[in-house]
Amino acid sequence: MHPLIQIVYQNVLDGAQDLTAAAVEAALGAGLEPGAILNDGMIPAMREVGRLFEQGDCFVPEMLISARAMQTGLEVLRPRLVQADLHAQGKIVLGTTKGDLHDIGKNLVGMMLAGAAFEVIDLGINVSPGQFVEAVREHRPQLLGISALLTTTMPHMKATLQALQAAGLRDQVKVMVGGAPLTEDFAREIGADGYSPDASRAVTLAKALVE
C-alpha cells in the first residue's frame, strides 16, 4: 500500500475527520488515483472497523466516528471520482419506517454503505409505505433498506412490501430490513430479501443482493 493511502486508511480507522480530509487531499496532490484512495484505503478501513465491531473490540460510537471520517474523506474525493467515471456499486433508498423516529442505526448503515461506494438516498424517519413506493419509482434503486426500532412500527415494513407489490415495483428492487427488534424469521415472514442485525453486516448483505 502506498504510504499516503496507508495514512488515509489509519485516519479513517481512528475516526480523525480533519486528518482524513487532509490525507485524501495530499494523496490526490501526489497524483494517486481516486479509485485507489477509495478502494485501497478508505473501504478497507471501514471493513476493518466492521470486523472489530463484530468481534466486540469496538462499539457503535467508534463506528459512527470512523464512518463520519469516511464521509469527510468522500466529500473531498467525490468530485474526482465523478471525473474518473467510477461507478457506484449500486443505489439504495433508506428510511426508518412510519411511526418510528429512531435514526442512529439507519444513519450508520447509510454512512457505511456510502463508504462502500454505494449511492445512498436517505428518506429520513417516519417514512410511510407510500413514500417508500414513490422513492423507488423516482430513483429506481437496486435496493431498499427499511429500519424499525420499535415492535409497534414493524408491521409498517410488511405494509411497505405490500404497497410495492400493489404498485408493480416489488420485483424491481431488493428489500433489506434491520433494527433491534427484528429477526431473520420476521424478515422471511414479511417477504424481505434480506435481514441484517447491524450496520457492518448490512454492507455485506447489500453487496450480496446487488451481485
N, C-alpha and C. Protein backbone atom coordinates (compact mmCIF):
# COMPACT_ATOMS: atom_id res chain seq x y z
N MET A 1 0.85 -1.20 0.00
CA MET A 1 0.00 0.00 0.00
C MET A 1 0.88 1.26 0.00
N HIS A 2 0.53 2.23 -0.82
CA HIS A 2 1.27 3.50 -0.88
C HIS A 2 1.21 4.17 0.51
N PRO A 3 2.33 4.76 0.95
CA PRO A 3 2.35 5.39 2.28
C PRO A 3 1.23 6.40 2.50
N LEU A 4 0.87 7.19 1.47
CA LEU A 4 -0.19 8.18 1.64
C LEU A 4 -1.57 7.50 1.78
N ILE A 5 -1.76 6.38 1.08
CA ILE A 5 -3.02 5.64 1.22
C ILE A 5 -3.07 4.98 2.60
N GLN A 6 -1.91 4.54 3.10
CA GLN A 6 -1.83 3.99 4.46
C GLN A 6 -2.28 5.03 5.50
N ILE A 7 -1.89 6.28 5.26
CA ILE A 7 -2.28 7.36 6.18
C ILE A 7 -3.79 7.59 6.12
N VAL A 8 -4.35 7.56 4.90
CA VAL A 8 -5.82 7.68 4.76
C VAL A 8 -6.50 6.56 5.53
N TYR A 9 -6.01 5.35 5.31
CA TYR A 9 -6.57 4.16 5.99
C TYR A 9 -6.57 4.35 7.51
N GLN A 10 -5.42 4.76 8.05
CA GLN A 10 -5.28 4.88 9.50
C GLN A 10 -6.19 5.97 10.07
N ASN A 11 -6.30 7.09 9.33
CA ASN A 11 -7.13 8.19 9.82
C ASN A 11 -8.61 7.83 9.82
N VAL A 12 -9.06 7.07 8.81
CA VAL A 12 -10.46 6.60 8.82
C VAL A 12 -10.67 5.65 9.99
N LEU A 13 -9.72 4.74 10.16
CA LEU A 13 -9.79 3.76 11.26
C LEU A 13 -9.86 4.49 12.61
N ASP A 14 -9.08 5.56 12.75
CA ASP A 14 -9.04 6.31 14.01
C ASP A 14 -10.22 7.28 14.14
N GLY A 15 -10.95 7.49 13.05
CA GLY A 15 -12.08 8.42 13.11
C GLY A 15 -11.66 9.88 13.14
N ALA A 16 -10.50 10.18 12.55
CA ALA A 16 -9.98 11.56 12.55
C ALA A 16 -10.47 12.29 11.30
N GLN A 17 -11.55 13.05 11.45
CA GLN A 17 -12.20 13.65 10.27
C GLN A 17 -11.28 14.61 9.52
N ASP A 18 -10.73 15.62 10.24
CA ASP A 18 -9.91 16.63 9.57
C ASP A 18 -8.66 16.02 8.95
N LEU A 19 -8.05 15.09 9.68
CA LEU A 19 -6.84 14.44 9.17
C LEU A 19 -7.15 13.57 7.95
N THR A 20 -8.35 12.95 7.93
CA THR A 20 -8.74 12.13 6.77
C THR A 20 -8.86 13.02 5.53
N ALA A 21 -9.56 14.14 5.68
CA ALA A 21 -9.73 15.07 4.55
C ALA A 21 -8.36 15.54 4.04
N ALA A 22 -7.47 15.90 4.98
CA ALA A 22 -6.14 16.39 4.60
C ALA A 22 -5.33 15.28 3.91
N ALA A 23 -5.47 14.05 4.41
CA ALA A 23 -4.72 12.93 3.84
C ALA A 23 -5.21 12.61 2.43
N VAL A 24 -6.53 12.69 2.22
CA VAL A 24 -7.09 12.46 0.88
C VAL A 24 -6.58 13.54 -0.08
N GLU A 25 -6.58 14.79 0.38
CA GLU A 25 -6.08 15.89 -0.47
C GLU A 25 -4.59 15.69 -0.80
N ALA A 26 -3.84 15.24 0.19
CA ALA A 26 -2.40 15.01 -0.04
C ALA A 26 -2.19 13.89 -1.05
N ALA A 27 -3.00 12.83 -0.92
CA ALA A 27 -2.87 11.70 -1.85
C ALA A 27 -3.24 12.12 -3.27
N LEU A 28 -4.30 12.91 -3.40
CA LEU A 28 -4.69 13.42 -4.73
C LEU A 28 -3.60 14.34 -5.27
N GLY A 29 -3.06 15.17 -4.39
CA GLY A 29 -1.99 16.11 -4.79
C GLY A 29 -0.75 15.39 -5.28
N ALA A 30 -0.54 14.18 -4.75
CA ALA A 30 0.63 13.39 -5.15
C ALA A 30 0.35 12.60 -6.43
N GLY A 31 -0.85 12.78 -6.99
CA GLY A 31 -1.18 12.14 -8.25
C GLY A 31 -1.73 10.72 -8.13
N LEU A 32 -2.13 10.33 -6.93
CA LEU A 32 -2.69 8.99 -6.77
C LEU A 32 -4.11 8.94 -7.34
N GLU A 33 -4.47 7.78 -7.87
CA GLU A 33 -5.79 7.62 -8.49
C GLU A 33 -6.89 7.69 -7.44
N PRO A 34 -7.98 8.42 -7.72
CA PRO A 34 -9.10 8.49 -6.77
C PRO A 34 -9.63 7.10 -6.41
N GLY A 35 -9.71 6.22 -7.40
CA GLY A 35 -10.21 4.87 -7.16
C GLY A 35 -9.32 4.09 -6.21
N ALA A 36 -8.00 4.32 -6.29
CA ALA A 36 -7.06 3.62 -5.40
C ALA A 36 -7.20 4.12 -3.97
N ILE A 37 -7.40 5.44 -3.82
CA ILE A 37 -7.58 6.02 -2.48
C ILE A 37 -8.83 5.42 -1.82
N LEU A 38 -9.88 5.31 -2.61
CA LEU A 38 -11.14 4.75 -2.10
C LEU A 38 -11.03 3.26 -1.83
N ASN A 39 -10.58 2.52 -2.86
CA ASN A 39 -10.64 1.05 -2.79
C ASN A 39 -9.52 0.42 -1.98
N ASP A 40 -8.37 1.11 -1.89
CA ASP A 40 -7.23 0.54 -1.16
C ASP A 40 -7.07 1.14 0.24
N GLY A 41 -7.68 2.30 0.46
CA GLY A 41 -7.52 2.97 1.75
C GLY A 41 -8.80 3.06 2.56
N MET A 42 -9.80 3.72 2.00
CA MET A 42 -11.00 4.06 2.78
C MET A 42 -11.91 2.85 3.00
N ILE A 43 -12.19 2.11 1.94
CA ILE A 43 -13.10 0.96 2.08
C ILE A 43 -12.48 -0.12 2.98
N PRO A 44 -11.20 -0.48 2.82
CA PRO A 44 -10.62 -1.46 3.74
C PRO A 44 -10.63 -0.99 5.20
N ALA A 45 -10.49 0.33 5.42
CA ALA A 45 -10.53 0.85 6.80
C ALA A 45 -11.91 0.61 7.40
N MET A 46 -12.96 0.88 6.64
CA MET A 46 -14.32 0.65 7.16
C MET A 46 -14.60 -0.84 7.30
N ARG A 47 -14.00 -1.65 6.43
CA ARG A 47 -14.15 -3.10 6.57
C ARG A 47 -13.51 -3.57 7.89
N GLU A 48 -12.36 -2.98 8.21
CA GLU A 48 -11.68 -3.33 9.46
C GLU A 48 -12.50 -2.86 10.68
N VAL A 49 -13.10 -1.67 10.57
CA VAL A 49 -13.98 -1.19 11.64
C VAL A 49 -15.13 -2.17 11.85
N GLY A 50 -15.72 -2.64 10.76
CA GLY A 50 -16.80 -3.61 10.83
C GLY A 50 -16.35 -4.91 11.48
N ARG A 51 -15.14 -5.35 11.14
CA ARG A 51 -14.61 -6.59 11.72
C ARG A 51 -14.40 -6.44 13.22
N LEU A 52 -13.85 -5.29 13.63
CA LEU A 52 -13.62 -5.04 15.05
C LEU A 52 -14.95 -4.98 15.80
N PHE A 53 -15.96 -4.39 15.14
CA PHE A 53 -17.29 -4.30 15.77
C PHE A 53 -17.87 -5.70 15.98
N GLU A 54 -17.77 -6.53 14.96
CA GLU A 54 -18.31 -7.89 15.05
C GLU A 54 -17.60 -8.71 16.13
N GLN A 55 -16.31 -8.41 16.33
CA GLN A 55 -15.54 -9.12 17.36
C GLN A 55 -15.79 -8.57 18.76
N GLY A 56 -16.48 -7.41 18.83
CA GLY A 56 -16.71 -6.79 20.13
C GLY A 56 -15.55 -5.92 20.58
N ASP A 57 -14.63 -5.58 19.64
CA ASP A 57 -13.47 -4.75 20.00
C ASP A 57 -13.72 -3.26 19.76
N CYS A 58 -14.83 -2.93 19.11
CA CYS A 58 -15.24 -1.53 19.04
C CYS A 58 -16.77 -1.49 19.06
N PHE A 59 -17.31 -0.31 19.33
CA PHE A 59 -18.75 -0.21 19.57
C PHE A 59 -19.36 0.86 18.65
N VAL A 60 -20.68 1.01 18.73
CA VAL A 60 -21.38 1.91 17.82
C VAL A 60 -20.77 3.33 17.79
N PRO A 61 -20.44 3.94 18.95
CA PRO A 61 -19.86 5.30 18.87
C PRO A 61 -18.59 5.35 18.03
N GLU A 62 -17.71 4.35 18.20
CA GLU A 62 -16.48 4.31 17.40
C GLU A 62 -16.78 4.11 15.92
N MET A 63 -17.77 3.25 15.64
CA MET A 63 -18.16 3.04 14.24
C MET A 63 -18.66 4.33 13.61
N LEU A 64 -19.47 5.06 14.37
CA LEU A 64 -20.01 6.33 13.86
C LEU A 64 -18.89 7.33 13.59
N ILE A 65 -17.91 7.39 14.50
CA ILE A 65 -16.79 8.34 14.33
C ILE A 65 -15.99 7.99 13.08
N SER A 66 -15.71 6.70 12.89
CA SER A 66 -14.98 6.28 11.68
C SER A 66 -15.80 6.54 10.42
N ALA A 67 -17.10 6.26 10.50
CA ALA A 67 -17.97 6.48 9.34
C ALA A 67 -18.04 7.96 8.98
N ARG A 68 -18.01 8.82 10.00
CA ARG A 68 -18.02 10.27 9.71
C ARG A 68 -16.70 10.72 9.08
N ALA A 69 -15.60 10.12 9.55
CA ALA A 69 -14.30 10.43 8.93
C ALA A 69 -14.30 9.99 7.47
N MET A 70 -14.88 8.83 7.22
CA MET A 70 -15.01 8.31 5.86
C MET A 70 -15.81 9.28 4.99
N GLN A 71 -16.94 9.76 5.54
CA GLN A 71 -17.79 10.71 4.81
C GLN A 71 -17.02 11.98 4.46
N THR A 72 -16.24 12.47 5.44
CA THR A 72 -15.45 13.69 5.22
C THR A 72 -14.45 13.48 4.08
N GLY A 73 -13.80 12.31 4.10
CA GLY A 73 -12.87 11.99 3.01
C GLY A 73 -13.56 11.85 1.68
N LEU A 74 -14.75 11.24 1.70
CA LEU A 74 -15.52 11.05 0.46
C LEU A 74 -15.92 12.38 -0.16
N GLU A 75 -16.24 13.37 0.69
CA GLU A 75 -16.63 14.68 0.16
C GLU A 75 -15.49 15.30 -0.63
N VAL A 76 -14.27 15.08 -0.16
CA VAL A 76 -13.08 15.58 -0.90
C VAL A 76 -12.91 14.78 -2.19
N LEU A 77 -13.12 13.48 -2.09
CA LEU A 77 -12.83 12.57 -3.19
C LEU A 77 -13.90 12.55 -4.28
N ARG A 78 -15.18 12.78 -3.88
CA ARG A 78 -16.30 12.53 -4.79
C ARG A 78 -16.19 13.26 -6.14
N PRO A 79 -15.84 14.57 -6.16
CA PRO A 79 -15.73 15.24 -7.47
C PRO A 79 -14.73 14.55 -8.39
N ARG A 80 -13.64 14.04 -7.82
CA ARG A 80 -12.61 13.36 -8.62
C ARG A 80 -13.06 11.98 -9.06
N LEU A 81 -13.85 11.33 -8.21
CA LEU A 81 -14.39 10.02 -8.59
C LEU A 81 -15.34 10.18 -9.77
N VAL A 82 -16.14 11.25 -9.74
CA VAL A 82 -17.08 11.52 -10.84
C VAL A 82 -16.30 11.77 -12.13
N GLN A 83 -15.23 12.58 -12.02
CA GLN A 83 -14.38 12.86 -13.20
C GLN A 83 -13.79 11.57 -13.76
N ALA A 84 -13.41 10.68 -12.84
CA ALA A 84 -12.80 9.41 -13.26
C ALA A 84 -13.85 8.41 -13.72
N ASP A 85 -15.12 8.82 -13.57
CA ASP A 85 -16.26 7.99 -14.01
C ASP A 85 -16.25 6.61 -13.33
N LEU A 86 -15.96 6.64 -12.02
CA LEU A 86 -16.02 5.39 -11.26
C LEU A 86 -17.47 5.19 -10.80
N HIS A 87 -18.06 4.10 -11.22
CA HIS A 87 -19.48 3.88 -10.94
C HIS A 87 -19.70 3.37 -9.53
N ALA A 88 -20.82 3.77 -8.96
CA ALA A 88 -21.20 3.28 -7.64
C ALA A 88 -21.48 1.78 -7.73
N GLN A 89 -21.33 1.11 -6.59
CA GLN A 89 -21.63 -0.33 -6.51
C GLN A 89 -23.11 -0.57 -6.78
N GLY A 90 -23.92 0.41 -6.41
CA GLY A 90 -25.36 0.28 -6.55
C GLY A 90 -26.02 1.47 -5.88
N LYS A 91 -27.33 1.54 -6.02
CA LYS A 91 -28.09 2.64 -5.42
C LYS A 91 -29.06 2.07 -4.41
N ILE A 92 -29.13 2.70 -3.22
CA ILE A 92 -30.05 2.23 -2.18
C ILE A 92 -30.86 3.39 -1.64
N VAL A 93 -32.16 3.18 -1.49
CA VAL A 93 -33.03 4.11 -0.78
C VAL A 93 -33.18 3.58 0.64
N LEU A 94 -32.96 4.45 1.63
CA LEU A 94 -33.01 4.06 3.04
C LEU A 94 -34.07 4.89 3.76
N GLY A 95 -34.69 4.29 4.78
CA GLY A 95 -35.59 5.06 5.63
C GLY A 95 -36.01 4.28 6.86
N THR A 96 -36.36 5.03 7.91
CA THR A 96 -36.94 4.42 9.11
C THR A 96 -38.45 4.44 8.93
N THR A 97 -39.09 3.34 9.28
CA THR A 97 -40.49 3.15 8.91
C THR A 97 -41.46 4.08 9.65
N LYS A 98 -42.67 4.15 9.13
CA LYS A 98 -43.71 5.03 9.66
C LYS A 98 -43.89 4.85 11.17
N GLY A 99 -43.98 5.98 11.89
CA GLY A 99 -44.21 5.94 13.32
C GLY A 99 -42.94 5.81 14.14
N ASP A 100 -41.80 5.63 13.47
CA ASP A 100 -40.53 5.39 14.17
C ASP A 100 -39.59 6.58 13.96
N LEU A 101 -39.11 7.14 15.06
CA LEU A 101 -38.28 8.34 14.97
C LEU A 101 -36.81 8.07 15.27
N HIS A 102 -36.43 6.79 15.30
CA HIS A 102 -35.04 6.42 15.59
C HIS A 102 -34.22 6.45 14.29
N ASP A 103 -33.05 7.06 14.36
CA ASP A 103 -32.27 7.11 13.11
C ASP A 103 -30.79 6.83 13.26
N ILE A 104 -30.29 6.57 14.48
CA ILE A 104 -28.83 6.36 14.62
C ILE A 104 -28.39 5.13 13.82
N GLY A 105 -29.13 4.03 13.98
CA GLY A 105 -28.77 2.81 13.25
C GLY A 105 -28.85 3.00 11.75
N LYS A 106 -29.94 3.63 11.29
CA LYS A 106 -30.11 3.88 9.85
C LYS A 106 -29.00 4.78 9.33
N ASN A 107 -28.68 5.82 10.08
CA ASN A 107 -27.62 6.74 9.64
C ASN A 107 -26.28 6.02 9.53
N LEU A 108 -26.02 5.15 10.48
CA LEU A 108 -24.77 4.39 10.47
C LEU A 108 -24.72 3.47 9.25
N VAL A 109 -25.84 2.79 8.98
CA VAL A 109 -25.92 1.94 7.78
C VAL A 109 -25.67 2.78 6.53
N GLY A 110 -26.29 3.95 6.46
CA GLY A 110 -26.12 4.82 5.30
C GLY A 110 -24.67 5.24 5.11
N MET A 111 -24.01 5.61 6.21
CA MET A 111 -22.61 6.03 6.11
C MET A 111 -21.70 4.87 5.72
N MET A 112 -21.98 3.70 6.29
CA MET A 112 -21.18 2.52 5.95
C MET A 112 -21.35 2.15 4.48
N LEU A 113 -22.59 2.26 3.98
CA LEU A 113 -22.84 1.94 2.57
C LEU A 113 -22.20 2.98 1.65
N ALA A 114 -22.28 4.25 2.04
CA ALA A 114 -21.61 5.29 1.24
C ALA A 114 -20.11 5.03 1.22
N GLY A 115 -19.59 4.58 2.37
CA GLY A 115 -18.17 4.24 2.46
C GLY A 115 -17.80 3.07 1.59
N ALA A 116 -18.77 2.20 1.31
CA ALA A 116 -18.53 1.04 0.44
C ALA A 116 -18.90 1.35 -1.01
N ALA A 117 -19.00 2.64 -1.33
CA ALA A 117 -19.20 3.13 -2.70
C ALA A 117 -20.62 2.90 -3.23
N PHE A 118 -21.60 2.84 -2.34
CA PHE A 118 -23.00 2.84 -2.78
C PHE A 118 -23.50 4.28 -2.85
N GLU A 119 -24.42 4.53 -3.77
CA GLU A 119 -25.14 5.81 -3.80
C GLU A 119 -26.32 5.66 -2.84
N VAL A 120 -26.37 6.52 -1.82
CA VAL A 120 -27.38 6.38 -0.77
C VAL A 120 -28.38 7.54 -0.82
N ILE A 121 -29.66 7.20 -0.91
CA ILE A 121 -30.74 8.20 -0.85
C ILE A 121 -31.47 7.97 0.47
N ASP A 122 -31.29 8.87 1.41
CA ASP A 122 -31.84 8.70 2.77
C ASP A 122 -33.13 9.49 2.90
N LEU A 123 -34.24 8.79 3.11
CA LEU A 123 -35.55 9.43 3.24
C LEU A 123 -35.82 9.91 4.67
N GLY A 124 -34.93 9.55 5.61
CA GLY A 124 -35.11 10.01 6.98
C GLY A 124 -35.97 9.07 7.82
N ILE A 125 -36.70 9.67 8.76
CA ILE A 125 -37.50 8.89 9.71
C ILE A 125 -38.99 9.01 9.39
N ASN A 126 -39.80 8.14 10.01
CA ASN A 126 -41.26 8.22 9.90
C ASN A 126 -41.72 8.18 8.44
N VAL A 127 -41.16 7.24 7.68
CA VAL A 127 -41.44 7.15 6.23
C VAL A 127 -42.60 6.18 6.00
N SER A 128 -43.63 6.66 5.35
CA SER A 128 -44.82 5.83 5.12
C SER A 128 -44.58 4.86 3.96
N PRO A 129 -45.37 3.78 3.88
CA PRO A 129 -45.26 2.87 2.73
C PRO A 129 -45.36 3.60 1.40
N GLY A 130 -46.27 4.57 1.32
CA GLY A 130 -46.43 5.34 0.08
C GLY A 130 -45.19 6.13 -0.30
N GLN A 131 -44.53 6.68 0.72
CA GLN A 131 -43.30 7.45 0.44
C GLN A 131 -42.18 6.54 -0.04
N PHE A 132 -42.09 5.35 0.55
CA PHE A 132 -41.10 4.38 0.06
C PHE A 132 -41.37 4.02 -1.40
N VAL A 133 -42.64 3.78 -1.72
CA VAL A 133 -43.02 3.41 -3.09
C VAL A 133 -42.65 4.53 -4.06
N GLU A 134 -42.97 5.77 -3.68
CA GLU A 134 -42.66 6.91 -4.56
C GLU A 134 -41.16 7.04 -4.79
N ALA A 135 -40.38 6.81 -3.72
CA ALA A 135 -38.91 6.92 -3.84
C ALA A 135 -38.36 5.84 -4.77
N VAL A 136 -38.90 4.62 -4.66
CA VAL A 136 -38.46 3.54 -5.55
C VAL A 136 -38.82 3.86 -6.99
N ARG A 137 -40.02 4.42 -7.17
CA ARG A 137 -40.47 4.79 -8.53
C ARG A 137 -39.58 5.89 -9.11
N GLU A 138 -39.23 6.86 -8.28
CA GLU A 138 -38.45 8.01 -8.76
C GLU A 138 -36.98 7.68 -8.98
N HIS A 139 -36.36 6.98 -8.01
CA HIS A 139 -34.90 6.81 -8.04
C HIS A 139 -34.45 5.50 -8.69
N ARG A 140 -35.37 4.56 -8.85
CA ARG A 140 -35.04 3.25 -9.45
C ARG A 140 -33.80 2.61 -8.81
N PRO A 141 -33.80 2.46 -7.49
CA PRO A 141 -32.64 1.85 -6.83
C PRO A 141 -32.65 0.34 -7.01
N GLN A 142 -31.49 -0.27 -6.85
CA GLN A 142 -31.44 -1.74 -6.80
C GLN A 142 -31.92 -2.25 -5.44
N LEU A 143 -31.73 -1.40 -4.41
CA LEU A 143 -32.01 -1.82 -3.03
C LEU A 143 -32.90 -0.82 -2.32
N LEU A 144 -33.72 -1.35 -1.41
CA LEU A 144 -34.48 -0.53 -0.48
C LEU A 144 -34.18 -1.04 0.92
N GLY A 145 -33.74 -0.15 1.80
CA GLY A 145 -33.42 -0.54 3.17
C GLY A 145 -34.41 0.09 4.14
N ILE A 146 -35.09 -0.73 4.93
CA ILE A 146 -36.09 -0.22 5.88
C ILE A 146 -35.66 -0.59 7.30
N SER A 147 -35.69 0.42 8.18
CA SER A 147 -35.28 0.22 9.57
C SER A 147 -36.48 0.42 10.50
N ALA A 148 -36.52 -0.36 11.57
CA ALA A 148 -37.51 -0.16 12.64
C ALA A 148 -36.85 -0.48 13.97
N LEU A 149 -37.07 0.38 14.95
CA LEU A 149 -36.50 0.16 16.29
C LEU A 149 -37.59 -0.15 17.32
N LEU A 150 -38.83 -0.12 16.89
CA LEU A 150 -39.95 -0.38 17.81
C LEU A 150 -40.78 -1.56 17.28
N THR A 151 -41.19 -2.42 18.18
CA THR A 151 -42.04 -3.55 17.74
C THR A 151 -43.36 -3.03 17.17
N THR A 152 -43.81 -1.88 17.66
CA THR A 152 -45.09 -1.33 17.19
C THR A 152 -45.02 -0.80 15.76
N THR A 153 -43.81 -0.50 15.26
CA THR A 153 -43.70 0.03 13.90
C THR A 153 -43.30 -1.05 12.89
N MET A 154 -42.95 -2.23 13.39
CA MET A 154 -42.55 -3.32 12.48
C MET A 154 -43.62 -3.69 11.45
N PRO A 155 -44.92 -3.68 11.80
CA PRO A 155 -45.93 -4.03 10.79
C PRO A 155 -45.90 -3.12 9.55
N HIS A 156 -45.40 -1.89 9.71
CA HIS A 156 -45.34 -1.00 8.54
C HIS A 156 -44.34 -1.51 7.50
N MET A 157 -43.41 -2.35 7.92
CA MET A 157 -42.48 -2.95 6.96
C MET A 157 -43.24 -3.86 6.00
N LYS A 158 -44.09 -4.69 6.57
CA LYS A 158 -44.91 -5.58 5.73
C LYS A 158 -45.81 -4.76 4.82
N ALA A 159 -46.39 -3.70 5.38
CA ALA A 159 -47.27 -2.83 4.58
C ALA A 159 -46.51 -2.19 3.42
N THR A 160 -45.23 -1.86 3.65
CA THR A 160 -44.42 -1.27 2.57
C THR A 160 -44.18 -2.29 1.46
N LEU A 161 -43.88 -3.53 1.83
CA LEU A 161 -43.69 -4.58 0.83
C LEU A 161 -44.98 -4.82 0.04
N GLN A 162 -46.11 -4.79 0.73
CA GLN A 162 -47.40 -4.98 0.04
C GLN A 162 -47.69 -3.81 -0.90
N ALA A 163 -47.31 -2.60 -0.46
CA ALA A 163 -47.52 -1.41 -1.31
C ALA A 163 -46.64 -1.47 -2.56
N LEU A 164 -45.41 -1.97 -2.40
CA LEU A 164 -44.54 -2.14 -3.58
C LEU A 164 -45.14 -3.14 -4.55
N GLN A 165 -45.69 -4.22 -3.99
CA GLN A 165 -46.33 -5.25 -4.81
C GLN A 165 -47.51 -4.65 -5.59
N ALA A 166 -48.35 -3.91 -4.86
CA ALA A 166 -49.54 -3.31 -5.47
C ALA A 166 -49.18 -2.32 -6.57
N ALA A 167 -48.01 -1.65 -6.39
CA ALA A 167 -47.57 -0.66 -7.38
C ALA A 167 -46.84 -1.30 -8.56
N GLY A 168 -46.66 -2.64 -8.49
CA GLY A 168 -45.96 -3.34 -9.57
C GLY A 168 -44.46 -3.13 -9.56
N LEU A 169 -43.92 -2.75 -8.38
CA LEU A 169 -42.49 -2.43 -8.29
C LEU A 169 -41.68 -3.47 -7.50
N ARG A 170 -42.38 -4.43 -6.88
CA ARG A 170 -41.69 -5.32 -5.94
C ARG A 170 -40.55 -6.10 -6.60
N ASP A 171 -40.75 -6.53 -7.85
CA ASP A 171 -39.72 -7.35 -8.49
C ASP A 171 -38.58 -6.51 -9.07
N GLN A 172 -38.68 -5.18 -8.90
CA GLN A 172 -37.63 -4.30 -9.44
C GLN A 172 -36.62 -3.87 -8.38
N VAL A 173 -36.87 -4.25 -7.11
CA VAL A 173 -35.99 -3.79 -6.04
C VAL A 173 -35.84 -4.88 -4.98
N LYS A 174 -34.61 -5.02 -4.48
CA LYS A 174 -34.36 -5.95 -3.37
C LYS A 174 -34.58 -5.18 -2.06
N VAL A 175 -35.31 -5.78 -1.15
CA VAL A 175 -35.63 -5.11 0.11
C VAL A 175 -34.85 -5.75 1.26
N MET A 176 -34.08 -4.92 1.96
CA MET A 176 -33.38 -5.40 3.15
C MET A 176 -33.91 -4.65 4.38
N VAL A 177 -34.05 -5.37 5.48
CA VAL A 177 -34.61 -4.78 6.69
C VAL A 177 -33.66 -4.98 7.86
N GLY A 178 -33.80 -4.10 8.86
CA GLY A 178 -32.97 -4.21 10.04
C GLY A 178 -33.52 -3.39 11.19
N GLY A 179 -32.93 -3.59 12.36
CA GLY A 179 -33.39 -2.90 13.56
C GLY A 179 -33.41 -3.86 14.73
N ALA A 180 -33.24 -3.30 15.92
CA ALA A 180 -33.06 -4.12 17.13
C ALA A 180 -34.13 -5.21 17.33
N PRO A 181 -35.43 -4.92 17.14
CA PRO A 181 -36.42 -5.96 17.47
C PRO A 181 -36.62 -7.01 16.37
N LEU A 182 -35.97 -6.82 15.22
CA LEU A 182 -36.22 -7.73 14.09
C LEU A 182 -35.44 -9.04 14.23
N THR A 183 -35.92 -10.04 13.51
CA THR A 183 -35.22 -11.32 13.42
C THR A 183 -35.21 -11.77 11.97
N GLU A 184 -34.37 -12.75 11.71
CA GLU A 184 -34.32 -13.37 10.38
C GLU A 184 -35.68 -13.95 10.02
N ASP A 185 -36.33 -14.57 10.99
CA ASP A 185 -37.65 -15.18 10.75
C ASP A 185 -38.68 -14.13 10.36
N PHE A 186 -38.67 -12.99 11.07
CA PHE A 186 -39.62 -11.92 10.76
C PHE A 186 -39.41 -11.43 9.33
N ALA A 187 -38.14 -11.22 8.96
CA ALA A 187 -37.82 -10.74 7.61
C ALA A 187 -38.34 -11.71 6.56
N ARG A 188 -38.18 -13.00 6.84
CA ARG A 188 -38.66 -14.02 5.90
C ARG A 188 -40.19 -14.01 5.80
N GLU A 189 -40.83 -13.87 6.96
CA GLU A 189 -42.30 -13.88 7.01
C GLU A 189 -42.91 -12.75 6.19
N ILE A 190 -42.29 -11.56 6.24
CA ILE A 190 -42.88 -10.42 5.51
C ILE A 190 -42.45 -10.40 4.04
N GLY A 191 -41.52 -11.30 3.67
CA GLY A 191 -41.12 -11.39 2.27
C GLY A 191 -39.96 -10.50 1.88
N ALA A 192 -39.17 -10.05 2.88
CA ALA A 192 -37.98 -9.25 2.56
C ALA A 192 -36.92 -10.14 1.92
N ASP A 193 -36.00 -9.51 1.20
CA ASP A 193 -34.93 -10.26 0.52
C ASP A 193 -33.74 -10.50 1.44
N GLY A 194 -33.66 -9.74 2.52
CA GLY A 194 -32.53 -9.92 3.42
C GLY A 194 -32.72 -9.18 4.72
N TYR A 195 -31.99 -9.64 5.74
CA TYR A 195 -32.04 -9.03 7.08
C TYR A 195 -30.62 -8.89 7.59
N SER A 196 -30.33 -7.76 8.22
CA SER A 196 -29.02 -7.59 8.84
C SER A 196 -29.18 -7.13 10.29
N PRO A 197 -28.46 -7.76 11.20
CA PRO A 197 -28.56 -7.37 12.61
C PRO A 197 -27.76 -6.11 12.96
N ASP A 198 -26.84 -5.69 12.07
CA ASP A 198 -26.05 -4.49 12.38
C ASP A 198 -25.52 -3.86 11.09
N ALA A 199 -24.93 -2.67 11.25
CA ALA A 199 -24.51 -1.88 10.09
C ALA A 199 -23.40 -2.55 9.30
N SER A 200 -22.49 -3.19 10.00
CA SER A 200 -21.37 -3.83 9.31
C SER A 200 -21.88 -4.93 8.37
N ARG A 201 -22.76 -5.78 8.89
CA ARG A 201 -23.27 -6.87 8.05
C ARG A 201 -24.27 -6.37 7.00
N ALA A 202 -24.82 -5.17 7.22
CA ALA A 202 -25.71 -4.58 6.21
C ALA A 202 -24.95 -4.33 4.90
N VAL A 203 -23.69 -3.94 5.02
CA VAL A 203 -22.87 -3.70 3.82
C VAL A 203 -22.63 -5.02 3.08
N THR A 204 -22.28 -6.06 3.82
CA THR A 204 -22.07 -7.38 3.22
C THR A 204 -23.33 -7.85 2.52
N LEU A 205 -24.48 -7.66 3.18
CA LEU A 205 -25.77 -8.07 2.62
C LEU A 205 -26.07 -7.28 1.36
N ALA A 206 -25.87 -5.96 1.41
CA ALA A 206 -26.16 -5.11 0.25
C ALA A 206 -25.34 -5.55 -0.96
N LYS A 207 -24.06 -5.83 -0.74
CA LYS A 207 -23.20 -6.27 -1.84
C LYS A 207 -23.69 -7.60 -2.41
N ALA A 208 -24.09 -8.50 -1.52
CA ALA A 208 -24.58 -9.82 -1.98
C ALA A 208 -25.86 -9.66 -2.79
N LEU A 209 -26.74 -8.75 -2.36
CA LEU A 209 -28.03 -8.59 -3.04
C LEU A 209 -27.87 -7.93 -4.42
N VAL A 210 -26.92 -7.00 -4.56
CA VAL A 210 -26.75 -6.39 -5.89
C VAL A 210 -26.00 -7.30 -6.85
N GLU A 211 -25.21 -8.21 -6.28
CA GLU A 211 -24.49 -9.15 -7.16
C GLU A 211 -25.44 -10.21 -7.68
